[in-house]
Protein backbone atom coordinates (compact mmCIF):
# COMPACT_ATOMS: atom_id res chain seq x y z
CA GLY A 1 -6.41 -2.41 -16.38
CA LEU A 2 -7.48 1.20 -16.00
CA THR A 3 -5.78 4.05 -16.74
CA ASP A 4 -7.42 6.68 -14.80
CA GLY A 5 -5.63 6.11 -11.53
CA SER A 6 -8.20 4.44 -9.95
CA LEU A 7 -9.32 0.92 -8.80
CA ASP A 8 -10.59 -1.89 -10.89
CA PRO A 9 -14.26 -2.55 -9.90
CA ASP A 10 -13.94 -5.90 -12.26
CA ARG A 11 -11.18 -7.04 -10.03
CA ALA A 12 -10.38 -8.40 -6.37
CA VAL A 13 -8.86 -5.54 -4.46
CA ILE A 14 -6.13 -6.37 -1.81
CA VAL A 15 -5.38 -4.56 1.42
CA ILE A 16 -1.95 -4.87 2.20
CA ASP A 17 -0.92 -5.32 5.62
CA THR A 18 2.35 -5.13 7.56
CA ASN A 19 3.80 -8.51 7.73
CA VAL A 20 2.99 -8.94 4.18
CA ALA A 21 4.89 -5.57 3.01
CA LEU A 22 7.69 -6.76 5.60
CA HIS A 23 7.98 -10.12 4.52
CA GLN A 24 6.88 -10.49 0.87
CA MET A 25 8.45 -7.55 -0.75
CA ASP A 26 10.36 -9.22 -3.51
CA PHE A 27 6.76 -11.06 -4.40
CA LEU A 28 5.00 -7.96 -4.35
CA CYS A 29 7.52 -6.00 -6.61
CA GLU A 30 7.94 -8.81 -9.06
CA ASP A 31 4.67 -10.80 -9.26
CA GLN A 32 2.64 -9.16 -11.95
CA CYS A 33 -0.56 -10.45 -10.59
CA ILE A 34 0.08 -8.48 -8.12
CA SER A 35 -2.62 -5.44 -9.03
CA ASN A 36 -5.40 -3.65 -7.77
CA VAL A 37 -3.81 -2.96 -4.57
CA VAL A 38 -4.53 -0.69 -1.50
CA LEU A 39 -1.76 -0.09 1.24
CA PRO A 40 -3.03 1.56 4.04
CA TYR A 41 -1.14 4.66 5.40
CA THR A 42 -0.90 2.91 8.95
CA VAL A 43 0.83 0.16 7.35
CA LEU A 44 3.20 2.48 5.51
CA GLN A 45 4.12 4.16 8.62
CA GLU A 46 4.82 0.79 10.38
CA VAL A 47 7.22 -0.52 7.76
CA ARG A 48 8.69 3.19 7.82
CA HIS A 49 9.81 2.55 11.18
CA ARG A 50 10.79 -0.71 10.90
CA ASN A 51 12.71 -0.86 7.69
CA MET A 52 13.31 2.24 5.55
CA ASN A 53 14.62 -0.15 2.44
CA THR A 54 11.30 -2.00 2.54
CA TYR A 55 9.04 1.69 3.26
CA HIS A 56 10.69 3.14 -0.23
CA ARG A 57 10.36 -0.07 -2.15
CA LEU A 58 6.65 0.20 -1.12
CA ARG A 59 6.42 3.85 -1.80
CA SER A 60 7.61 3.21 -5.08
CA LEU A 61 5.05 0.67 -6.16
CA ALA A 62 2.43 3.56 -5.37
CA THR A 63 4.08 6.41 -7.08
CA GLU A 64 5.01 4.31 -10.30
CA GLY A 65 1.56 5.00 -11.88
CA ASP A 66 1.54 8.44 -10.92
CA GLU A 67 1.59 10.83 -14.36
CA ASP A 68 4.25 13.47 -12.63
CA GLN A 69 6.50 10.15 -12.44
CA THR A 70 7.85 10.64 -15.84
CA SER A 71 11.76 9.71 -15.08
CA LYS A 72 10.30 6.20 -14.17
CA LYS A 73 9.20 3.97 -17.19
CA LYS A 74 6.66 1.07 -16.62
CA LYS A 75 8.10 -2.63 -18.08
CA ALA A 76 6.06 -3.17 -20.93
CA GLY A 77 2.22 -4.60 -20.58
CA ASP A 78 2.97 -3.69 -16.61
CA SER A 79 -0.35 -2.28 -15.54
CA ARG A 80 -0.52 -3.11 -12.25
CA GLN A 81 -1.99 -0.54 -9.71
CA PHE A 82 -1.25 0.37 -6.32
CA PHE A 83 -2.69 3.08 -4.26
CA VAL A 84 -2.45 4.49 -0.46
CA PHE A 85 -5.32 4.72 1.47
CA ALA A 86 -4.83 7.62 4.19
CA ASN A 87 -6.86 5.75 6.78
CA GLU A 88 -5.59 7.51 9.13
CA TYR A 89 -7.05 11.06 8.17
CA PHE A 90 -10.54 9.19 6.96
CA ARG A 91 -13.46 9.53 9.24
CA GLU A 92 -14.79 6.23 8.67
CA THR A 93 -11.59 4.42 9.19
CA TYR A 94 -9.76 6.28 11.70
CA VAL A 95 -9.32 4.43 14.75
CA THR A 96 -8.86 5.68 18.75
CA ARG A 97 -6.21 3.76 20.67
CA ARG A 98 -8.01 2.44 23.61
CA ASP A 99 -6.47 3.12 27.13
CA ASP A 100 -5.71 -0.55 27.78
CA GLU A 101 -4.02 -1.50 23.96
CA SER A 102 -0.60 -1.37 23.04
CA SER A 103 0.07 0.68 19.93
CA ASN A 104 0.21 -2.24 17.66
CA ASP A 105 -2.70 -3.53 18.53
CA ARG A 106 -4.23 -0.22 17.63
CA ASN A 107 -2.64 -0.23 14.48
CA ASP A 108 -4.15 -3.85 13.80
CA ARG A 109 -7.57 -2.71 14.21
CA ALA A 110 -6.63 0.27 12.36
CA ILE A 111 -5.91 -2.00 9.43
C-alpha cells in the first residue's frame, strides 16, 4: 500500500455505491481485502439521509488514514485506503437533474 494518501495505481479501484454502503457496511469495515476505495460524495449524502449511523461509519473509514487523526490507531498491517471524491463539485463529473427524472435517478447517474 501507499503511504502518501493516494490511490494505488497497481491495484483495482473500487467505487462504492449507495446500496453497498447501506447493506454491506460490516464487510467494508472488517474485510482487509477491501482497499483502494473511492466514496463518491453523492453516495455519502444519500447514506447520510437514510442512515446516520452508517454515514458515520463510512466517514470514519475515509478519515482513518488522515495524518491529523492521531487519536485513532490503525490495526497492525491495516494499509487500507478509502477516499472521498467530491463528484458533486468536480466539473467533469457533475450531473444536472433532468426535468423528467427523480432525484434518486439523478444520483444514480452521478455515481
